[in-house]
Protein backbone atom coordinates (compact mmCIF):
# COMPACT_ATOMS: atom_id res chain seq x y z
CA UNK A 1 107.37 -73.82 207.08
CA UNK A 2 106.25 -76.36 210.27
CA UNK A 3 105.04 -78.63 207.66
CA UNK A 4 108.36 -79.24 205.88
CA UNK A 5 110.48 -78.47 208.90
CA UNK A 6 108.85 -81.04 211.44
CA UNK A 7 109.56 -83.91 209.19
CA UNK A 8 112.72 -82.99 208.03
CA UNK A 9 113.85 -82.54 211.39
CA UNK A 10 112.56 -85.99 211.99
CA UNK A 11 114.40 -87.86 209.24
CA UNK A 12 117.62 -85.72 210.23
CA UNK A 13 117.51 -87.30 213.25
CA UNK A 14 117.28 -90.99 211.47
CA UNK A 15 120.53 -90.15 208.88
CA UNK A 16 122.03 -89.19 212.10
CA UNK A 17 122.17 -92.25 213.43
CA UNK A 18 122.62 -94.24 210.30
CA UNK A 19 126.26 -94.67 210.12
CA UNK A 20 126.98 -95.45 213.85
CA UNK A 21 123.99 -97.97 213.96
CA UNK A 22 125.45 -99.57 210.55
CA UNK A 23 128.39 -99.89 212.35
CA UNK A 24 127.04 -101.20 215.84
CA UNK A 25 124.74 -103.53 214.22
CA UNK A 26 127.26 -105.14 212.33
CA UNK A 27 129.56 -105.12 215.09
CA UNK A 28 127.18 -106.87 217.32
CA UNK A 29 126.16 -109.51 214.54
CA UNK A 30 130.10 -110.04 213.89
CA UNK A 31 131.90 -109.78 217.39
CA UNK A 32 134.09 -107.50 215.44
CA UNK A 33 135.01 -104.05 215.62
CA UNK A 34 137.10 -104.44 212.53
CA UNK A 35 133.76 -105.77 210.61
CA UNK A 36 131.86 -103.00 212.14
CA UNK A 37 134.47 -100.43 211.29
CA UNK A 38 134.88 -101.64 207.52
CA UNK A 39 130.64 -101.64 207.66
CA UNK A 40 130.82 -97.83 208.68
CA UNK A 41 133.39 -96.90 205.97
CA UNK A 42 131.53 -98.65 203.34
CA UNK A 43 128.57 -96.50 204.52
CA UNK A 44 130.45 -93.38 204.61
CA UNK A 45 132.35 -94.19 201.22
CA UNK A 46 129.31 -94.94 199.48
CA UNK A 47 127.43 -91.56 200.81
CA UNK A 48 130.11 -89.33 200.03
CA UNK A 49 130.43 -90.83 195.99
CA UNK A 50 126.95 -91.36 195.43
CA UNK A 51 125.26 -88.31 197.36
CA UNK A 52 126.03 -85.68 195.23
CA UNK A 53 124.96 -87.20 192.04
CA UNK A 54 121.89 -88.24 193.34
CA UNK A 55 121.36 -84.41 194.26
CA UNK A 56 122.17 -83.25 191.03
CA UNK A 57 119.15 -85.32 190.19
CA UNK A 58 117.31 -83.59 192.55
CA UNK A 59 117.93 -80.02 191.29
CA UNK A 60 117.18 -81.53 187.73
CA UNK A 61 114.11 -83.15 188.29
CA UNK A 62 112.49 -81.71 191.58
CA UNK A 63 112.32 -83.17 195.41
CA UNK A 64 109.40 -85.24 194.61
CA UNK A 65 110.22 -87.16 191.38
CA UNK A 66 113.54 -88.11 192.77
CA UNK A 67 113.39 -88.44 196.64
CA UNK A 68 111.13 -91.22 196.60
CA UNK A 69 112.73 -93.65 194.38
CA UNK A 70 116.14 -93.07 196.18
CA UNK A 71 114.43 -93.25 199.78
CA UNK A 72 112.72 -96.20 198.58
CA UNK A 73 115.87 -97.96 197.51
CA UNK A 74 117.29 -96.65 200.97
CA UNK A 75 114.61 -98.82 202.60
CA UNK A 76 114.87 -102.01 201.05
CA UNK A 77 118.34 -101.97 201.43
CA UNK A 78 118.29 -100.69 205.10
CA UNK A 79 115.58 -103.40 205.75
CA UNK A 80 117.35 -106.00 204.32
CA UNK A 81 120.60 -104.90 206.53
CA UNK A 82 118.76 -105.39 209.64
CA UNK A 83 117.25 -108.25 208.48
CA UNK A 84 120.79 -109.97 207.80
CA UNK A 85 122.46 -109.03 211.23
CA UNK A 86 119.28 -110.20 213.01
CA UNK A 87 119.71 -113.54 210.90
CA UNK A 88 123.87 -113.29 211.26
CA UNK A 89 124.31 -113.08 207.74
CA UNK A 90 128.06 -113.45 206.14
CA UNK A 91 130.11 -110.47 206.20
CA UNK A 92 130.37 -109.74 202.87
CA UNK A 93 126.43 -109.20 202.76
CA UNK A 94 126.45 -106.87 205.57
CA UNK A 95 129.32 -104.76 204.02
CA UNK A 96 127.62 -104.77 200.44
CA UNK A 97 124.23 -103.51 202.13
CA UNK A 98 126.00 -100.94 204.15
CA UNK A 99 127.31 -99.37 200.79
CA UNK A 100 123.89 -99.70 199.18
CA UNK A 101 122.09 -98.12 202.56
CA UNK A 102 124.90 -95.25 202.48
CA UNK A 103 124.62 -94.69 198.76
CA UNK A 104 121.01 -93.92 199.18
CA UNK A 105 120.69 -92.21 202.20
CA UNK A 106 118.28 -89.07 201.56
CA UNK A 107 120.06 -86.01 202.00
CA UNK A 108 117.54 -84.63 204.35
CA UNK A 109 119.72 -81.29 205.26
CA UNK A 110 119.88 -80.52 201.87
CA UNK A 111 116.58 -80.98 200.90
CA UNK A 112 115.44 -78.74 204.04
CA UNK A 113 118.09 -75.88 203.50
CA UNK A 114 116.93 -75.70 199.73
CA UNK A 115 113.17 -75.29 201.33
CA UNK A 116 114.35 -72.25 203.32
CA UNK A 117 116.35 -70.78 200.99
CA UNK A 118 112.58 -69.94 198.91
CA UNK A 119 111.65 -68.06 201.83
CA UNK A 120 113.36 -64.72 202.12
CA UNK A 121 111.46 -63.79 205.46
CA UNK A 122 112.72 -66.36 207.41
CA UNK A 123 115.74 -67.59 205.40
CA UNK A 124 118.82 -66.74 207.60
CA UNK A 125 116.29 -67.67 210.76
CA UNK A 126 115.68 -71.34 209.01
CA UNK A 127 119.07 -72.02 208.06
CA UNK A 128 120.08 -70.92 212.01
CA UNK A 129 117.66 -73.35 213.15
CA UNK A 130 118.23 -75.95 210.67
CA UNK A 131 121.81 -75.74 212.02
CA UNK A 132 120.28 -76.41 215.90
CA UNK A 133 118.08 -79.43 214.65
CA UNK A 134 121.31 -80.89 213.36
CA UNK A 135 123.71 -80.20 216.52
CA UNK A 136 120.67 -81.86 218.55
CA UNK A 137 120.41 -84.82 216.00
CA UNK A 138 123.86 -85.69 216.29
CA UNK A 139 123.89 -85.40 219.91
CA UNK A 140 120.97 -87.38 220.86
CA UNK A 141 121.28 -89.87 217.65
CA UNK A 142 124.43 -91.72 218.92
CA UNK A 143 123.13 -92.43 222.55
CA UNK A 144 120.02 -93.49 220.89
CA UNK A 145 121.83 -96.29 219.01
CA UNK A 146 124.07 -96.74 221.85
CA UNK A 147 121.34 -96.94 224.35
CA UNK A 148 118.90 -99.19 222.28
CA UNK A 149 121.56 -101.44 221.16
CA UNK A 150 122.76 -102.40 224.80
CA UNK A 151 119.09 -102.59 225.94
CA UNK A 152 117.56 -104.49 223.03
CA UNK A 153 119.38 -106.07 220.28
CA UNK A 154 122.52 -104.73 218.16
CA UNK A 155 120.37 -103.78 215.50
CA UNK A 156 117.99 -102.06 217.26
CA UNK A 157 119.22 -98.62 216.57
CA UNK A 158 119.44 -99.38 212.88
CA UNK A 159 115.76 -100.29 212.65
CA UNK A 160 114.75 -96.87 214.72
CA UNK A 161 116.96 -94.94 211.92
CA UNK A 162 115.03 -96.66 209.08
CA UNK A 163 111.78 -95.82 210.62
CA UNK A 164 112.27 -92.16 211.48
CA UNK A 165 114.09 -91.86 207.78
CA UNK A 166 111.07 -93.03 206.10
CA UNK A 167 108.49 -91.13 208.21
CA UNK A 168 110.57 -87.71 208.24
CA UNK A 169 111.38 -87.99 204.17
CA UNK A 170 107.41 -89.02 203.41
CA UNK A 171 106.47 -85.76 205.28
CA UNK A 172 108.77 -83.71 203.76
CA UNK A 173 108.28 -85.08 199.91
CA UNK A 174 104.34 -84.46 200.51
CA UNK A 175 104.77 -80.85 201.59
CA UNK A 176 104.70 -79.60 198.28
CA UNK A 177 104.36 -76.30 198.88
CA UNK A 178 107.68 -75.04 199.58
CA UNK A 179 109.35 -77.63 196.95
CA UNK A 180 111.78 -75.73 194.94
CA UNK A 181 111.57 -75.40 191.45
CA UNK A 182 113.55 -77.75 189.05
CA UNK A 183 116.58 -76.40 187.50
CA UNK A 184 118.20 -76.90 184.44
CA UNK A 185 120.19 -79.83 183.27
CA UNK A 186 123.56 -80.13 184.77
CA UNK A 187 127.13 -79.82 183.37
CA UNK A 188 130.24 -81.57 183.88
CA UNK A 189 131.17 -85.17 184.33
CA UNK A 190 131.30 -85.47 188.16
CA UNK A 191 130.55 -81.90 189.96
CA UNK A 192 128.53 -79.36 187.91
CA UNK A 193 130.77 -76.85 186.27
CA UNK A 194 128.67 -73.96 187.64
CA UNK A 195 130.26 -75.29 191.25
CA UNK A 196 134.29 -75.16 189.93
CA UNK A 197 134.33 -71.83 190.99
CA UNK A 198 136.50 -70.31 193.95
CA UNK A 199 134.14 -69.38 196.61
CA UNK A 200 132.65 -72.83 196.42
CA UNK A 201 135.71 -74.72 196.30
CA UNK A 202 136.83 -72.31 199.27
CA UNK A 203 133.79 -73.73 201.38
CA UNK A 204 134.34 -77.20 200.21
CA UNK A 205 137.92 -77.63 201.50
CA UNK A 206 136.70 -75.73 204.70
CA UNK A 207 134.31 -77.82 205.13
CA UNK A 208 137.09 -80.82 204.43
CA UNK A 209 138.80 -79.43 207.20
CA UNK A 210 135.64 -79.62 209.48
CA UNK A 211 135.19 -82.96 208.66
CA UNK A 212 138.85 -83.73 209.87
CA UNK A 213 137.79 -82.19 213.21
CA UNK A 214 134.89 -84.21 213.82
CA UNK A 215 136.71 -87.36 212.74
CA UNK A 216 139.55 -86.85 214.96
CA UNK A 217 138.26 -84.76 218.10
CA UNK A 218 135.95 -87.91 219.09
CA UNK A 219 138.53 -90.36 219.25
CA UNK A 220 141.19 -88.10 220.70
CA UNK A 221 138.96 -87.04 223.75
CA UNK A 222 138.49 -90.91 224.39
CA UNK A 223 142.26 -91.41 224.59
CA UNK A 224 142.40 -88.37 226.83
CA UNK A 225 139.41 -90.11 229.43
CA UNK A 226 140.94 -93.48 229.34
CA UNK A 227 144.12 -92.05 230.17
CA UNK A 228 142.58 -90.30 233.16
CA UNK A 229 140.57 -93.64 233.95
CA UNK A 230 137.33 -91.75 232.67
CA UNK A 231 136.30 -93.51 229.84
CA UNK A 232 132.63 -93.71 230.51
CA UNK A 233 132.81 -89.71 231.04
CA UNK A 234 133.69 -89.33 227.17
CA UNK A 235 129.92 -88.92 226.11
CA UNK A 236 129.64 -86.51 229.14
CA UNK A 237 132.54 -84.16 227.49
CA UNK A 238 130.67 -84.13 224.03
CA UNK A 239 127.35 -83.87 225.25
CA UNK A 240 128.18 -80.70 226.94
CA UNK A 241 130.35 -79.17 224.22
CA UNK A 242 127.02 -80.06 221.89
CA UNK A 243 124.67 -77.92 224.16
CA UNK A 244 126.92 -75.06 224.01
CA UNK A 245 127.17 -75.16 220.28
CA UNK A 246 123.11 -75.37 219.83
CA UNK A 247 123.23 -72.31 222.24
CA UNK A 248 125.46 -70.26 220.23
CA UNK A 249 123.75 -71.54 216.49
CA UNK A 250 120.58 -69.80 218.48
CA UNK A 251 122.35 -66.86 219.63
CA UNK A 252 123.92 -66.25 215.93
CA UNK A 253 120.47 -66.99 214.47
CA UNK A 254 118.96 -64.18 216.46
CA UNK A 255 121.56 -61.19 215.61
CA UNK A 256 120.91 -60.87 211.52
CA UNK A 257 123.81 -58.04 211.43
CA UNK A 258 126.71 -60.33 212.06
CA UNK A 259 128.58 -60.77 208.89
CA UNK A 260 128.83 -64.97 208.05
CA UNK A 261 132.81 -64.96 206.86
CA UNK A 262 134.07 -63.07 210.04
CA UNK A 263 132.05 -65.09 212.53
CA UNK A 264 133.03 -68.35 210.53
CA UNK A 265 136.58 -67.45 210.52
CA UNK A 266 136.88 -66.30 214.15
CA UNK A 267 135.12 -69.86 215.24
CA UNK A 268 137.53 -71.76 212.82
CA UNK A 269 140.60 -70.06 214.59
CA UNK A 270 138.99 -71.02 217.89
CA UNK A 271 138.75 -74.95 217.01
CA UNK A 272 142.26 -74.79 215.53
CA UNK A 273 144.01 -73.35 218.45
CA UNK A 274 141.89 -74.93 221.14
CA UNK A 275 142.96 -78.07 219.94
CA UNK A 276 146.71 -77.32 220.68
CA UNK A 277 145.43 -75.74 224.11
CA UNK A 278 143.42 -79.03 225.09
CA UNK A 279 146.92 -80.71 224.32
CA UNK A 280 147.85 -79.08 227.89
CA UNK A 281 144.59 -79.74 230.09
CA UNK A 282 145.68 -81.18 233.42
CA UNK A 283 142.27 -83.25 234.13
CA UNK A 284 139.03 -84.20 233.63
CA UNK A 285 136.74 -81.07 234.92
CA UNK A 286 139.38 -78.85 232.85
CA UNK A 287 138.30 -80.85 229.61
CA UNK A 288 134.74 -80.60 229.98
CA UNK A 289 135.20 -77.03 230.52
CA UNK A 290 137.98 -76.47 227.72
CA UNK A 291 136.27 -78.61 225.22
CA UNK A 292 132.99 -76.68 225.86
CA UNK A 293 134.51 -73.52 224.40
CA UNK A 294 136.09 -75.38 221.68
CA UNK A 295 133.02 -77.70 220.40
CA UNK A 296 130.87 -74.48 221.32
CA UNK A 297 132.34 -73.02 218.56
CA UNK A 298 131.31 -75.80 215.65
CA UNK A 299 127.60 -74.18 215.02
CA UNK A 300 129.56 -70.86 214.13
CA UNK A 301 131.48 -72.67 211.52
CA UNK A 302 128.23 -74.56 210.29
CA UNK A 303 125.92 -72.30 210.22
CA UNK A 304 127.39 -69.00 208.62
CA UNK A 305 128.88 -71.53 205.94
CA UNK A 306 125.64 -72.35 205.15
CA UNK A 307 124.69 -68.80 204.72
CA UNK A 308 127.87 -68.04 202.64
CA UNK A 309 126.91 -71.28 200.33
CA UNK A 310 123.54 -69.61 199.79
CA UNK A 311 125.07 -66.53 198.25
CA UNK A 312 128.10 -68.15 196.44
CA UNK A 313 125.86 -70.98 194.46
CA UNK A 314 122.61 -70.72 192.29
CA UNK A 315 119.33 -72.04 193.11
CA UNK A 316 119.76 -74.14 190.01
CA UNK A 317 122.42 -76.20 192.07
CA UNK A 318 122.02 -75.48 195.55
CA UNK A 319 120.85 -79.42 196.25
CA UNK A 320 123.80 -80.46 194.89
CA UNK A 321 126.04 -77.95 196.60
CA UNK A 322 124.40 -78.70 200.19
CA UNK A 323 125.40 -82.52 198.97
CA UNK A 324 128.88 -81.68 197.92
CA UNK A 325 129.28 -79.62 201.60
CA UNK A 326 128.15 -82.93 203.42
CA UNK A 327 130.38 -85.21 201.37
CA UNK A 328 133.50 -82.88 202.17
CA UNK A 329 132.73 -83.30 205.79
CA UNK A 330 132.19 -86.80 205.50
CA UNK A 331 135.62 -87.56 203.88
CA UNK A 332 137.40 -85.60 206.42
CA UNK A 333 135.99 -87.74 209.03
CA UNK A 334 136.80 -90.91 207.20
CA UNK A 335 140.74 -89.53 206.95
CA UNK A 336 140.97 -88.11 210.49
CA UNK A 337 139.38 -90.79 212.43
CA UNK A 338 141.79 -93.67 211.60
CA UNK A 339 144.61 -90.91 211.27
CA UNK A 340 144.22 -89.19 214.60
CA UNK A 341 143.66 -92.84 216.43
CA UNK A 342 147.03 -94.35 215.45
CA UNK A 343 149.03 -91.01 216.60
CA UNK A 344 146.88 -91.44 220.18
CA UNK A 345 147.68 -94.85 220.23
CA UNK A 346 151.40 -94.57 219.12
CA UNK A 347 152.36 -91.21 220.77
CA UNK A 348 149.37 -90.47 223.67
CA UNK A 349 146.47 -87.94 223.86
CA UNK A 350 148.74 -84.75 223.90
CA UNK A 351 149.92 -85.50 220.02
CA UNK A 352 146.68 -86.41 218.84
CA UNK A 353 145.45 -82.70 219.97
CA UNK A 354 148.20 -81.18 218.19
CA UNK A 355 148.02 -83.33 215.18
CA UNK A 356 144.39 -82.32 215.17
CA UNK A 357 145.59 -78.72 215.44
CA UNK A 358 147.47 -78.73 212.72
CA UNK A 359 144.83 -80.21 210.67
CA UNK A 360 141.91 -78.15 211.10
CA UNK A 361 143.86 -75.16 211.05
CA UNK A 362 143.18 -75.75 207.34
CA UNK A 363 139.85 -74.08 207.91
CA UNK A 364 140.62 -70.56 208.44
CA UNK A 365 143.49 -70.46 206.34
CA UNK A 366 141.21 -71.59 203.44
CA UNK A 367 138.51 -68.74 204.25
CA UNK A 368 141.27 -66.34 204.23
CA UNK A 369 142.40 -67.53 200.94
CA UNK A 370 139.62 -68.68 198.50
CA UNK A 371 136.66 -67.39 200.38
CA UNK A 372 136.56 -63.46 199.60
CA UNK A 373 135.01 -60.78 201.65
CA UNK A 374 133.01 -59.50 198.78
CA UNK A 375 131.04 -62.49 198.81
CA UNK A 376 129.23 -61.61 201.96
CA UNK A 377 128.81 -57.97 200.76
CA UNK A 378 127.07 -58.85 197.83
CA UNK A 379 124.17 -60.45 199.63
CA UNK A 380 123.69 -57.83 202.50
C-alpha cells in the first residue's frame, strides 16, 4: 500500500498545482489576467473532455500500458510550456500548450482509488486517506504556486508541478503489485454504456453541483474579504476550512459503521444552507468561523461519494468512472467561477453567496432523487 500511496500523493500534489500554475505562468509572461484565465480555461476544458477517454483506455489496457504514454505527452507539453513562458512566446502558443497539458494530465486520484478498491481489508480507510491527501494537496498546492511565482519567476510553480507529477507517476506505475487487472473493451461512443445508469448519473450530477460550489466559493469569499478591507486574509479563510475538512475526513474514515449516503446528504445540506447563512456574515472573524463549518463539510461529500461510487460501478470501468466524476467537478468550476464573479461584481458578495447556495442545492436534491438508499444497503 505504501509503495503506491506515497508516489500517488506526490503526483496528486503536482496535479493540484497544475491548473493554477498554468494560469500564473501565462499571466506572468503576458501581463494579462485575461490571457491567464483563458489558459486556465483551456487547461480545465481539455482535462474534462479528454480525461475520461484516456481513462477508458486505462481500464481496457491497464495502467502500465497507457499511463506512461499519456504522462510522457504531458511531460513534453508542460516542459514546452515552461520554456515558452520563460521565452515570452506568443499568447496563441501558450494557450495551445495549455490545452495539451490539460488533456494529458495524469488522473492520479483515479489511478490511486482503483488500487485501493482491490485491497478489501483497507478499502474504506484507504479511500478516506485518499480524500484527506486530496484536501492537503489542494490546500498546499495553490500556496506553493503563488509563493514560488512571487519569490522566483512566474513559471516556477509550473516547473515544480511538472517535476512532482513525473516523480509521482513513475513511482505509481512501477508499483505493479497493486495494479488493477485490465477489463474488457468499452462500449459507447463517449461514455461507456455500463455507466449510463441512474445511480452513477446521480453521482455525476451531484459532483457537478460540488464543482459549482468549488468554483464559486473562492470568488465570493475574496469579494467579501476585499469589501471588508482584508483581501490578504482570503487564503487564511480557506486554509482554516481546509484544515477542518481534513480532520472531518479522517474522523469519517475511522468510523466504518457510518453509511455514506446519509453522511453525503447531510454534508450537502450544510454546504447549500451554509452558503445562504454566510450571506448574513457581519465581519471577518465570523466568516472564518462560519466558513470553517461550511468548508469543513467538503470531505464529508467527497469521501462518502467515493465510497458510493465504488459500490455502484464495476471494476472494469472504475478508472473512467472516477475520471468522469472529476470531469463533472471541473465543469462545475468552469461554470461557477465566472458566473459568481459577475454576480459579486454587479450585486455584491451577499448576492454571490445566495446564488451559490441555490446552485449548490442541486447536490442534496440530486442525492434524494437519483441515488437510492438501496445502493448503500447492498454493499454492507
